[in-house]
């Protein structure tokens, strides 16, 4: 599975790279802290496959990187997508290494 680090994500944002960021946490988690990803909770991802870009890099994240890794594996195997990346360490790593003002839970 391909992964990007939070530093790579920040660099991509800073350079205005064209990519899609998907947050697979639950809505109540998103309400606590988010980094601007499109919210598609893990349990509904297969119902919303049409919202996932097929022609640019898609970074999928959750709280720690575990749920998003499962989603990446599921989508790679069931949808044959090859443009998916897991955010290593999730939003916890982003809060720790990039934006300490983000609440953690």
PDB file of N, CA and C in Angstrom:
ATOM      1  N   UNK A   1       0.833  -1.179   0.000  1.00  0.00           N
ATOM      2  CA  UNK A   1       0.000   0.000   0.000  1.00  0.00           C
ATOM      3  C   UNK A   1       0.878   1.242   0.000  1.00  0.00           C
ATOM      4  N   UNK A   2       0.489   2.198  -0.829  1.00  0.00           N
ATOM      5  CA  UNK A   2       1.237   3.447  -0.901  1.00  0.00           C
ATOM      6  C   UNK A   2       0.782   4.363   0.239  1.00  0.00           C
ATOM      7  N   UNK A   3       1.731   5.101   0.784  1.00  0.00           N
ATOM      8  CA  UNK A   3       1.429   6.033   1.858  1.00  0.00           C
ATOM      9  C   UNK A   3       2.099   7.370   1.592  1.00  0.00           C
ATOM     10  N   UNK A   4       1.529   8.415   2.177  1.00  0.00           N
ATOM     11  CA  UNK A   4       2.192   9.715   2.215  1.00  0.00           C
ATOM     12  C   UNK A   4       2.311  10.105   3.677  1.00  0.00           C
ATOM     13  N   UNK A   5       3.363  10.829   3.981  1.00  0.00           N
ATOM     14  CA  UNK A   5       3.545  11.327   5.343  1.00  0.00           C
ATOM     15  C   UNK A   5       2.801  12.654   5.488  1.00  0.00           C
ATOM     16  N   UNK A   6       2.634  13.085   6.716  1.00  0.00           N
ATOM     17  CA  UNK A   6       1.973  14.375   6.930  1.00  0.00           C
ATOM     18  C   UNK A   6       2.823  15.521   6.364  1.00  0.00           C
ATOM     19  N   UNK A   7       4.147  15.352   6.376  1.00  0.00           N
ATOM     20  CA  UNK A   7       5.021  16.374   5.781  1.00  0.00           C
ATOM     21  C   UNK A   7       4.793  16.458   4.270  1.00  0.00           C
ATOM     22  N   UNK A   8       4.635  15.277   3.633  1.00  0.00           N
ATOM     23  CA  UNK A   8       4.364  15.270   2.186  1.00  0.00           C
ATOM     24  C   UNK A   8       3.012  15.906   1.890  1.00  0.00           C
ATOM     25  N   UNK A   9       2.013  15.625   2.731  1.00  0.00           N
ATOM     26  CA  UNK A   9       0.693  16.240   2.540  1.00  0.00           C
ATOM     27  C   UNK A   9       0.798  17.758   2.660  1.00  0.00           C
ATOM     28  N   UNK A  10       1.499  18.235   3.665  1.00  0.00           N
ATOM     29  CA  UNK A  10       1.660  19.683   3.823  1.00  0.00           C
ATOM     30  C   UNK A  10       2.362  20.293   2.612  1.00  0.00           C
ATOM     31  N   UNK A  11       3.385  19.629   2.133  1.00  0.00           N
ATOM     32  CA  UNK A  11       4.099  20.113   0.955  1.00  0.00           C
ATOM     33  C   UNK A  11       3.182  20.164  -0.269  1.00  0.00           C
ATOM     34  N   UNK A  12       2.362  19.139  -0.426  1.00  0.00           N
ATOM     35  CA  UNK A  12       1.411  19.120  -1.543  1.00  0.00           C
ATOM     36  C   UNK A  12       0.421  20.278  -1.432  1.00  0.00           C
ATOM     37  N   UNK A  13      -0.053  20.523  -0.221  1.00  0.00           N
ATOM     38  CA  UNK A  13      -0.984  21.638  -0.012  1.00  0.00           C
ATOM     39  C   UNK A  13      -0.291  22.967  -0.293  1.00  0.00           C
ATOM     40  N   UNK A  14       0.912  23.129   0.228  1.00  0.00           N
ATOM     41  CA  UNK A  14       1.652  24.382   0.056  1.00  0.00           C
ATOM     42  C   UNK A  14       1.929  24.683  -1.417  1.00  0.00           C
ATOM     43  N   UNK A  15       2.085  23.632  -2.215  1.00  0.00           N
ATOM     44  CA  UNK A  15       2.380  23.823  -3.646  1.00  0.00           C
ATOM     45  C   UNK A  15       1.114  23.799  -4.505  1.00  0.00           C
ATOM     46  N   UNK A  16      -0.042  23.756  -3.853  1.00  0.00           N
ATOM     47  CA  UNK A  16      -1.329  23.714  -4.566  1.00  0.00           C
ATOM     48  C   UNK A  16      -1.435  22.541  -5.534  1.00  0.00           C
ATOM     49  N   UNK A  17      -0.888  21.404  -5.135  1.00  0.00           N
ATOM     50  CA  UNK A  17      -0.983  20.199  -5.965  1.00  0.00           C
ATOM     51  C   UNK A  17      -2.446  19.799  -6.106  1.00  0.00           C
ATOM     52  N   UNK A  18      -2.751  19.146  -7.203  1.00  0.00           N
ATOM     53  CA  UNK A  18      -4.118  18.707  -7.481  1.00  0.00           C
ATOM     54  C   UNK A  18      -4.299  17.288  -6.938  1.00  0.00           C
ATOM     55  N   UNK A  19      -4.999  17.181  -5.823  1.00  0.00           N
ATOM     56  CA  UNK A  19      -5.262  15.874  -5.227  1.00  0.00           C
ATOM     57  C   UNK A  19      -6.572  15.948  -4.457  1.00  0.00           C
ATOM     58  N   UNK A  20      -7.088  14.791  -4.099  1.00  0.00           N
ATOM     59  CA  UNK A  20      -8.308  14.711  -3.308  1.00  0.00           C
ATOM     60  C   UNK A  20      -7.957  14.151  -1.935  1.00  0.00           C
ATOM     61  N   UNK A  21      -8.484  14.768  -0.888  1.00  0.00           N
ATOM     62  CA  UNK A  21      -8.275  14.316   0.478  1.00  0.00           C
ATOM     63  C   UNK A  21      -9.610  13.823   1.022  1.00  0.00           C
ATOM     64  N   UNK A  22      -9.640  12.561   1.434  1.00  0.00           N
ATOM     65  CA  UNK A  22     -10.871  11.964   1.954  1.00  0.00           C
ATOM     66  C   UNK A  22     -10.657  11.551   3.402  1.00  0.00           C
ATOM     67  N   UNK A  23     -11.597  11.938   4.248  1.00  0.00           N
ATOM     68  CA  UNK A  23     -11.596  11.624   5.674  1.00  0.00           C
ATOM     69  C   UNK A  23     -12.618  10.518   5.903  1.00  0.00           C
ATOM     70  N   UNK A  24     -12.174   9.357   6.381  1.00  0.00           N
ATOM     71  CA  UNK A  24     -13.089   8.222   6.559  1.00  0.00           C
ATOM     72  C   UNK A  24     -13.521   8.028   8.015  1.00  0.00           C
ATOM     73  N   UNK A  25     -13.300   9.050   8.856  1.00  0.00           N
ATOM     74  CA  UNK A  25     -13.760   8.975  10.237  1.00  0.00           C
ATOM     75  C   UNK A  25     -15.267   9.230  10.290  1.00  0.00           C
ATOM     76  N   UNK A  26     -15.826   9.141  11.476  1.00  0.00           N
ATOM     77  CA  UNK A  26     -17.246   9.407  11.669  1.00  0.00           C
ATOM     78  C   UNK A  26     -17.479  10.920  11.800  1.00  0.00           C
ATOM     79  N   UNK A  27     -18.714  11.334  11.572  1.00  0.00           N
ATOM     80  CA  UNK A  27     -19.040  12.758  11.594  1.00  0.00           C
ATOM     81  C   UNK A  27     -18.698  13.416  12.938  1.00  0.00           C
ATOM     82  N   UNK A  28     -18.953  12.727  14.051  1.00  0.00           N
ATOM     83  CA  UNK A  28     -18.637  13.333  15.357  1.00  0.00           C
ATOM     84  C   UNK A  28     -17.134  13.531  15.532  1.00  0.00           C
ATOM     85  N   UNK A  29     -16.312  12.681  14.908  1.00  0.00           N
ATOM     86  CA  UNK A  29     -14.856  12.861  14.965  1.00  0.00           C
ATOM     87  C   UNK A  29     -14.446  14.053  14.107  1.00  0.00           C
ATOM     88  N   UNK A  30     -15.059  14.162  12.944  1.00  0.00           N
ATOM     89  CA  UNK A  30     -14.790  15.260  12.021  1.00  0.00           C
ATOM     90  C   UNK A  30     -15.121  16.593  12.687  1.00  0.00           C
ATOM     91  N   UNK A  31     -16.204  16.599  13.485  1.00  0.00           N
ATOM     92  CA  UNK A  31     -16.614  17.821  14.181  1.00  0.00           C
ATOM     93  C   UNK A  31     -15.589  18.245  15.231  1.00  0.00           C
ATOM     94  N   UNK A  32     -14.858  17.297  15.810  1.00  0.00           N
ATOM     95  CA  UNK A  32     -13.836  17.613  16.813  1.00  0.00           C
ATOM     96  C   UNK A  32     -12.635  18.274  16.154  1.00  0.00           C
ATOM     97  N   UNK A  33     -12.168  17.682  15.068  1.00  0.00           N
ATOM     98  CA  UNK A  33     -10.992  18.204  14.363  1.00  0.00           C
ATOM     99  C   UNK A  33     -11.010  17.682  12.931  1.00  0.00           C
ATOM    100  N   UNK A  34     -10.677  18.553  11.997  1.00  0.00           N
ATOM    101  CA  UNK A  34     -10.548  18.091  10.612  1.00  0.00           C
ATOM    102  C   UNK A  34      -9.488  18.914   9.905  1.00  0.00           C
ATOM    103  N   UNK A  35      -8.961  18.332   8.844  1.00  0.00           N
ATOM    104  CA  UNK A  35      -7.909  19.009   8.074  1.00  0.00           C
ATOM    105  C   UNK A  35      -8.388  19.309   6.656  1.00  0.00           C
ATOM    106  N   UNK A  36      -9.706  19.450   6.523  1.00  0.00           N
ATOM    107  CA  UNK A  36     -10.264  19.891   5.250  1.00  0.00           C
ATOM    108  C   UNK A  36     -10.549  18.795   4.251  1.00  0.00           C
ATOM    109  N   UNK A  37     -10.525  17.550   4.704  1.00  0.00           N
ATOM    110  CA  UNK A  37     -10.848  16.459   3.796  1.00  0.00           C
ATOM    111  C   UNK A  37     -12.344  16.335   3.580  1.00  0.00           C
ATOM    112  N   UNK A  38     -12.696  15.674   2.513  1.00  0.00           N
ATOM    113  CA  UNK A  38     -14.096  15.387   2.218  1.00  0.00           C
ATOM    114  C   UNK A  38     -14.525  14.216   3.092  1.00  0.00           C
ATOM    115  N   UNK A  39     -15.560  14.406   3.893  1.00  0.00           N
ATOM    116  CA  UNK A  39     -16.001  13.373   4.831  1.00  0.00           C
ATOM    117  C   UNK A  39     -16.825  12.300   4.121  1.00  0.00           C
ATOM    118  N   UNK A  40     -16.280  11.076   4.122  1.00  0.00           N
ATOM    119  CA  UNK A  40     -17.008   9.888   3.653  1.00  0.00           C
ATOM    120  C   UNK A  40     -16.711   8.799   4.683  1.00  0.00           C
ATOM    121  N   UNK A  41     -17.563   8.661   5.713  1.00  0.00           N
ATOM    122  CA  UNK A  41     -17.280   7.680   6.762  1.00  0.00           C
ATOM    123  C   UNK A  41     -17.014   6.279   6.207  1.00  0.00           C
ATOM    124  N   UNK A  42     -16.094   5.576   6.866  1.00  0.00           N
ATOM    125  CA  UNK A  42     -15.659   4.253   6.425  1.00  0.00           C
ATOM    126  C   UNK A  42     -16.835   3.333   6.104  1.00  0.00           C
ATOM    127  N   UNK A  43     -17.852   3.334   6.949  1.00  0.00           N
ATOM    128  CA  UNK A  43     -18.980   2.438   6.761  1.00  0.00           C
ATOM    129  C   UNK A  43     -19.837   2.744   5.544  1.00  0.00           C
ATOM    130  N   UNK A  44     -19.629   3.919   4.938  1.00  0.00           N
ATOM    131  CA  UNK A  44     -20.430   4.298   3.767  1.00  0.00           C
ATOM    132  C   UNK A  44     -19.592   4.401   2.495  1.00  0.00           C
ATOM    133  N   UNK A  45     -18.321   4.050   2.585  1.00  0.00           N
ATOM    134  CA  UNK A  45     -17.404   4.295   1.458  1.00  0.00           C
ATOM    135  C   UNK A  45     -17.844   3.594   0.166  1.00  0.00           C
ATOM    136  N   UNK A  46     -18.350   2.375   0.279  1.00  0.00           N
ATOM    137  CA  UNK A  46     -18.736   1.648  -0.935  1.00  0.00           C
ATOM    138  C   UNK A  46     -19.972   2.265  -1.597  1.00  0.00           C
ATOM    139  N   UNK A  47     -20.790   2.962  -0.817  1.00  0.00           N
ATOM    140  CA  UNK A  47     -21.955   3.646  -1.380  1.00  0.00           C
ATOM    141  C   UNK A  47     -21.558   4.935  -2.101  1.00  0.00           C
ATOM    142  N   UNK A  48     -20.344   5.394  -1.852  1.00  0.00           N
ATOM    143  CA  UNK A  48     -19.906   6.684  -2.400  1.00  0.00           C
ATOM    144  C   UNK A  48     -18.652   6.568  -3.262  1.00  0.00           C
ATOM    145  N   UNK A  49     -18.446   5.420  -3.841  1.00  0.00           N
ATOM    146  CA  UNK A  49     -17.272   5.198  -4.702  1.00  0.00           C
ATOM    147  C   UNK A  49     -17.229   6.225  -5.834  1.00  0.00           C
ATOM    148  N   UNK A  50     -18.392   6.655  -6.292  1.00  0.00           N
ATOM    149  CA  UNK A  50     -18.459   7.627  -7.389  1.00  0.00           C
ATOM    150  C   UNK A  50     -17.872   8.988  -7.003  1.00  0.00           C
ATOM    151  N   UNK A  51     -17.694   9.255  -5.722  1.00  0.00           N
ATOM    152  CA  UNK A  51     -17.123  10.527  -5.268  1.00  0.00           C
ATOM    153  C   UNK A  51     -15.600  10.491  -5.222  1.00  0.00           C
ATOM    154  N   UNK A  52     -15.013   9.321  -5.445  1.00  0.00           N
ATOM    155  CA  UNK A  52     -13.560   9.164  -5.371  1.00  0.00           C
ATOM    156  C   UNK A  52     -12.961   9.362  -6.759  1.00  0.00           C
ATOM    157  N   UNK A  53     -12.035  10.300  -6.850  1.00  0.00           N
ATOM    158  CA  UNK A  53     -11.420  10.613  -8.137  1.00  0.00           C
ATOM    159  C   UNK A  53     -10.675   9.403  -8.699  1.00  0.00           C
ATOM    160  N   UNK A  54     -10.759   9.246  -9.993  1.00  0.00           N
ATOM    161  CA  UNK A  54     -10.046   8.153 -10.669  1.00  0.00           C
ATOM    162  C   UNK A  54      -8.807   8.675 -11.392  1.00  0.00           C
ATOM    163  N   UNK A  55      -8.703  10.005 -11.530  1.00  0.00           N
ATOM    164  CA  UNK A  55      -7.646  10.552 -12.382  1.00  0.00           C
ATOM    165  C   UNK A  55      -6.666  11.479 -11.670  1.00  0.00           C
ATOM    166  N   UNK A  56      -6.683  11.485 -10.340  1.00  0.00           N
ATOM    167  CA  UNK A  56      -5.656  12.223  -9.612  1.00  0.00           C
ATOM    168  C   UNK A  56      -5.370  11.497  -8.309  1.00  0.00           C
ATOM    169  N   UNK A  57      -4.310  11.907  -7.637  1.00  0.00           N
ATOM    170  CA  UNK A  57      -3.918  11.284  -6.377  1.00  0.00           C
ATOM    171  C   UNK A  57      -5.022  11.484  -5.342  1.00  0.00           C
ATOM    172  N   UNK A  58      -5.376  10.406  -4.654  1.00  0.00           N
ATOM    173  CA  UNK A  58      -6.386  10.454  -3.598  1.00  0.00           C
ATOM    174  C   UNK A  58      -5.716  10.013  -2.298  1.00  0.00           C
ATOM    175  N   UNK A  59      -5.720  10.907  -1.314  1.00  0.00           N
ATOM    176  CA  UNK A  59      -5.154  10.602  -0.004  1.00  0.00           C
ATOM    177  C   UNK A  59      -6.313  10.351   0.950  1.00  0.00           C
ATOM    178  N   UNK A  60      -6.283   9.204   1.594  1.00  0.00           N
ATOM    179  CA  UNK A  60      -7.345   8.820   2.506  1.00  0.00           C
ATOM    180  C   UNK A  60      -6.778   8.839   3.920  1.00  0.00           C
ATOM    181  N   UNK A  61      -7.534   9.463   4.851  1.00  0.00           N
ATOM    182  CA  UNK A  61      -7.033   9.540   6.220  1.00  0.00           C
ATOM    183  C   UNK A  61      -8.125   9.258   7.238  1.00  0.00           C
ATOM    184  N   UNK A  62      -7.667   8.908   8.436  1.00  0.00           N
ATOM    185  CA  UNK A  62      -8.549   8.702   9.585  1.00  0.00           C
ATOM    186  C   UNK A  62      -7.833   9.281  10.799  1.00  0.00           C
ATOM    187  N   UNK A  63      -8.104   8.746  11.969  1.00  0.00           N
ATOM    188  CA  UNK A  63      -7.478   9.266  13.191  1.00  0.00           C
ATOM    189  C   UNK A  63      -6.006   8.868  13.270  1.00  0.00           C
ATOM    190  N   UNK A  64      -5.720   7.573  13.076  1.00  0.00           N
ATOM    191  CA  UNK A  64      -4.349   7.093  13.271  1.00  0.00           C
ATOM    192  C   UNK A  64      -3.725   6.447  12.035  1.00  0.00           C
ATOM    193  N   UNK A  65      -4.517   6.204  11.024  1.00  0.00           N
ATOM    194  CA  UNK A  65      -4.017   5.560   9.808  1.00  0.00           C
ATOM    195  C   UNK A  65      -4.488   4.128   9.637  1.00  0.00           C
ATOM    196  N   UNK A  66      -5.120   3.544  10.648  1.00  0.00           N
ATOM    197  CA  UNK A  66      -5.546   2.142  10.561  1.00  0.00           C
ATOM    198  C   UNK A  66      -6.807   1.975   9.712  1.00  0.00           C
ATOM    199  N   UNK A  67      -7.842   2.751  10.001  1.00  0.00           N
ATOM    200  CA  UNK A  67      -9.081   2.641   9.217  1.00  0.00           C
ATOM    201  C   UNK A  67      -8.850   3.035   7.765  1.00  0.00           C
ATOM    202  N   UNK A  68      -8.090   4.099   7.568  1.00  0.00           N
ATOM    203  CA  UNK A  68      -7.845   4.535   6.194  1.00  0.00           C
ATOM    204  C   UNK A  68      -7.040   3.491   5.426  1.00  0.00           C
ATOM    205  N   UNK A  69      -6.130   2.797   6.090  1.00  0.00           N
ATOM    206  CA  UNK A  69      -5.382   1.717   5.430  1.00  0.00           C
ATOM    207  C   UNK A  69      -6.341   0.618   4.993  1.00  0.00           C
ATOM    208  N   UNK A  70      -7.304   0.281   5.828  1.00  0.00           N
ATOM    209  CA  UNK A  70      -8.299  -0.736   5.466  1.00  0.00           C
ATOM    210  C   UNK A  70      -9.131  -0.288   4.273  1.00  0.00           C
ATOM    211  N   UNK A  71      -9.488   0.988   4.261  1.00  0.00           N
ATOM    212  CA  UNK A  71     -10.282   1.525   3.142  1.00  0.00           C
ATOM    213  C   UNK A  71      -9.466   1.487   1.851  1.00  0.00           C
ATOM    214  N   UNK A  72      -8.203   1.875   1.923  1.00  0.00           N
ATOM    215  CA  UNK A  72      -7.344   1.832   0.732  1.00  0.00           C
ATOM    216  C   UNK A  72      -7.283   0.400   0.193  1.00  0.00           C
ATOM    217  N   UNK A  73      -7.053  -0.567   1.065  1.00  0.00           N
ATOM    218  CA  UNK A  73      -6.981  -1.967   0.631  1.00  0.00           C
ATOM    219  C   UNK A  73      -8.297  -2.427   0.013  1.00  0.00           C
ATOM    220  N   UNK A  74      -9.411  -2.067   0.636  1.00  0.00           N
ATOM    221  CA  UNK A  74     -10.722  -2.441   0.115  1.00  0.00           C
ATOM    222  C   UNK A  74     -10.948  -1.855  -1.275  1.00  0.00           C
ATOM    223  N   UNK A  75     -10.679  -0.578  -1.428  1.00  0.00           N
ATOM    224  CA  UNK A  75     -10.910   0.080  -2.715  1.00  0.00           C
ATOM    225  C   UNK A  75      -9.948  -0.411  -3.788  1.00  0.00           C
ATOM    226  N   UNK A  76      -8.709  -0.678  -3.410  1.00  0.00           N
ATOM    227  CA  UNK A  76      -7.753  -1.198  -4.397  1.00  0.00           C
ATOM    228  C   UNK A  76      -8.204  -2.567  -4.900  1.00  0.00           C
ATOM    229  N   UNK A  77      -8.689  -3.413  -4.007  1.00  0.00           N
ATOM    230  CA  UNK A  77      -9.067  -4.761  -4.423  1.00  0.00           C
ATOM    231  C   UNK A  77     -10.433  -4.794  -5.115  1.00  0.00           C
ATOM    232  N   UNK A  78     -11.395  -4.039  -4.609  1.00  0.00           N
ATOM    233  CA  UNK A  78     -12.744  -4.133  -5.181  1.00  0.00           C
ATOM    234  C   UNK A  78     -12.970  -3.219  -6.378  1.00  0.00           C
ATOM    235  N   UNK A  79     -12.292  -2.087  -6.408  1.00  0.00           N
ATOM    236  CA  UNK A  79     -12.507  -1.110  -7.481  1.00  0.00           C
ATOM    237  C   UNK A  79     -11.325  -1.001  -8.438  1.00  0.00           C
ATOM    238  N   UNK A  80     -10.259  -1.726  -8.149  1.00  0.00           N
ATOM    239  CA  UNK A  80      -9.056  -1.716  -8.989  1.00  0.00           C
ATOM    240  C   UNK A  80      -8.467  -0.312  -9.152  1.00  0.00           C
ATOM    241  N   UNK A  81      -8.535   0.475  -8.079  1.00  0.00           N
ATOM    242  CA  UNK A  81      -7.969   1.818  -8.117  1.00  0.00           C
ATOM    243  C   UNK A  81      -6.488   1.753  -7.764  1.00  0.00           C
ATOM    244  N   UNK A  82      -5.678   2.530  -8.469  1.00  0.00           N
ATOM    245  CA  UNK A  82      -4.238   2.515  -8.210  1.00  0.00           C
ATOM    246  C   UNK A  82      -3.714   3.895  -7.831  1.00  0.00           C
ATOM    247  N   UNK A  83      -4.626   4.839  -7.587  1.00  0.00           N
ATOM    248  CA  UNK A  83      -4.238   6.217  -7.275  1.00  0.00           C
ATOM    249  C   UNK A  83      -4.477   6.574  -5.810  1.00  0.00           C
ATOM    250  N   UNK A  84      -4.560   5.554  -4.946  1.00  0.00           N
ATOM    251  CA  UNK A  84      -4.895   5.774  -3.547  1.00  0.00           C
ATOM    252  C   UNK A  84      -3.661   5.734  -2.650  1.00  0.00           C
ATOM    253  N   UNK A  85      -3.664   6.611  -1.654  1.00  0.00           N
ATOM    254  CA  UNK A  85      -2.569   6.703  -0.694  1.00  0.00           C
ATOM    255  C   UNK A  85      -3.145   6.829   0.710  1.00  0.00           C
ATOM    256  N   UNK A  86      -2.568   6.110   1.646  1.00  0.00           N
ATOM    257  CA  UNK A  86      -2.947   6.224   3.046  1.00  0.00           C
ATOM    258  C   UNK A  86      -2.113   7.330   3.689  1.00  0.00           C
ATOM    259  N   UNK A  87      -2.751   8.164   4.530  1.00  0.00           N
ATOM    260  CA  UNK A  87      -1.994   9.171   5.275  1.00  0.00           C
ATOM    261  C   UNK A  87      -1.400   8.497   6.501  1.00  0.00           C
ATOM    262  N   UNK A  88      -0.105   8.332   6.483  1.00  0.00           N
ATOM    263  CA  UNK A  88       0.598   7.628   7.558  1.00  0.00           C
ATOM    264  C   UNK A  88       0.447   8.383   8.883  1.00  0.00           C
ATOM    265  N   UNK A  89      -0.112   7.696   9.884  1.00  0.00           N
ATOM    266  CA  UNK A  89      -0.286   8.304  11.202  1.00  0.00           C
ATOM    267  C   UNK A  89      -1.568   9.104  11.371  1.00  0.00           C
ATOM    268  N   UNK A  90      -2.291   9.330  10.276  1.00  0.00           N
ATOM    269  CA  UNK A  90      -3.576  10.007  10.338  1.00  0.00           C
ATOM    270  C   UNK A  90      -3.537  11.419  10.889  1.00  0.00           C
ATOM    271  N   UNK A  91      -4.711  11.856  11.342  1.00  0.00           N
ATOM    272  CA  UNK A  91      -4.837  13.226  11.836  1.00  0.00           C
ATOM    273  C   UNK A  91      -4.048  13.425  13.129  1.00  0.00           C
ATOM    274  N   UNK A  92      -3.798  12.346  13.872  1.00  0.00           N
ATOM    275  CA  UNK A  92      -2.976  12.474  15.085  1.00  0.00           C
ATOM    276  C   UNK A  92      -1.558  12.914  14.725  1.00  0.00           C
ATOM    277  N   UNK A  93      -0.988  12.312  13.685  1.00  0.00           N
ATOM    278  CA  UNK A  93       0.350  12.703  13.237  1.00  0.00           C
ATOM    279  C   UNK A  93       0.338  14.124  12.685  1.00  0.00           C
ATOM    280  N   UNK A  94      -0.732  14.481  11.992  1.00  0.00           N
ATOM    281  CA  UNK A  94      -0.839  15.840  11.445  1.00  0.00           C
ATOM    282  C   UNK A  94      -0.857  16.859  12.582  1.00  0.00           C
ATOM    283  N   UNK A  95      -1.636  16.568  13.629  1.00  0.00           N
ATOM    284  CA  UNK A  95      -1.710  17.474  14.777  1.00  0.00           C
ATOM    285  C   UNK A  95      -0.365  17.560  15.494  1.00  0.00           C
ATOM    286  N   UNK A  96       0.308  16.448  15.626  1.00  0.00           N
ATOM    287  CA  UNK A  96       1.585  16.420  16.346  1.00  0.00           C
ATOM    288  C   UNK A  96       2.706  17.106  15.567  1.00  0.00           C
ATOM    289  N   UNK A  97       2.772  16.845  14.258  1.00  0.00           N
ATOM    290  CA  UNK A  97       3.925  17.287  13.472  1.00  0.00           C
ATOM    291  C   UNK A  97       3.707  18.549  12.642  1.00  0.00           C
ATOM    292  N   UNK A  98       2.444  18.849  12.308  1.00  0.00           N
ATOM    293  CA  UNK A  98       2.189  19.977  11.402  1.00  0.00           C
ATOM    294  C   UNK A  98       1.402  21.097  12.081  1.00  0.00           C
ATOM    295  N   UNK A  99       0.297  20.760  12.747  1.00  0.00           N
ATOM    296  CA  UNK A  99      -0.583  21.775  13.327  1.00  0.00           C
ATOM    297  C   UNK A  99      -0.968  21.418  14.761  1.00  0.00           C
ATOM    298  N   UNK A 100      -0.136  21.802  15.723  1.00  0.00           N
ATOM    299  CA  UNK A 100      -0.403  21.464  17.118  1.00  0.00           C
ATOM    300  C   UNK A 100      -1.667  22.108  17.684  1.00  0.00           C
ATOM    301  N   UNK A 101      -2.258  23.056  16.958  1.00  0.00           N
ATOM    302  CA  UNK A 101      -3.494  23.678  17.440  1.00  0.00           C
ATOM    303  C   UNK A 101      -4.714  22.782  17.217  1.00  0.00           C
ATOM    304  N   UNK A 102      -4.556  21.737  16.424  1.00  0.00           N
ATOM    305  CA  UNK A 102      -5.678  20.813  16.189  1.00  0.00           C
ATOM    306  C   UNK A 102      -5.966  20.019  17.461  1.00  0.00           C
ATOM    307  N   UNK A 103      -7.233  19.929  17.853  1.00  0.00           N
ATOM    308  CA  UNK A 103      -7.568  19.099  19.011  1.00  0.00           C
ATOM    309  C   UNK A 103      -7.312  17.621  18.694  1.00  0.00           C
ATOM    310  N   UNK A 104      -6.862  16.887  19.671  1.00  0.00           N
ATOM    311  CA  UNK A 104      -6.704  15.438  19.516  1.00  0.00           C
ATOM    312  C   UNK A 104      -7.643  14.746  20.482  1.00  0.00           C
ATOM    313  N   UNK A 105      -7.971  13.531  20.165  1.00  0.00           N
ATOM    314  CA  UNK A 105      -8.916  12.776  20.993  1.00  0.00           C
ATOM    315  C   UNK A 105      -8.536  11.318  20.990  1.00  0.00           C
TER     316      UNK A 105
END
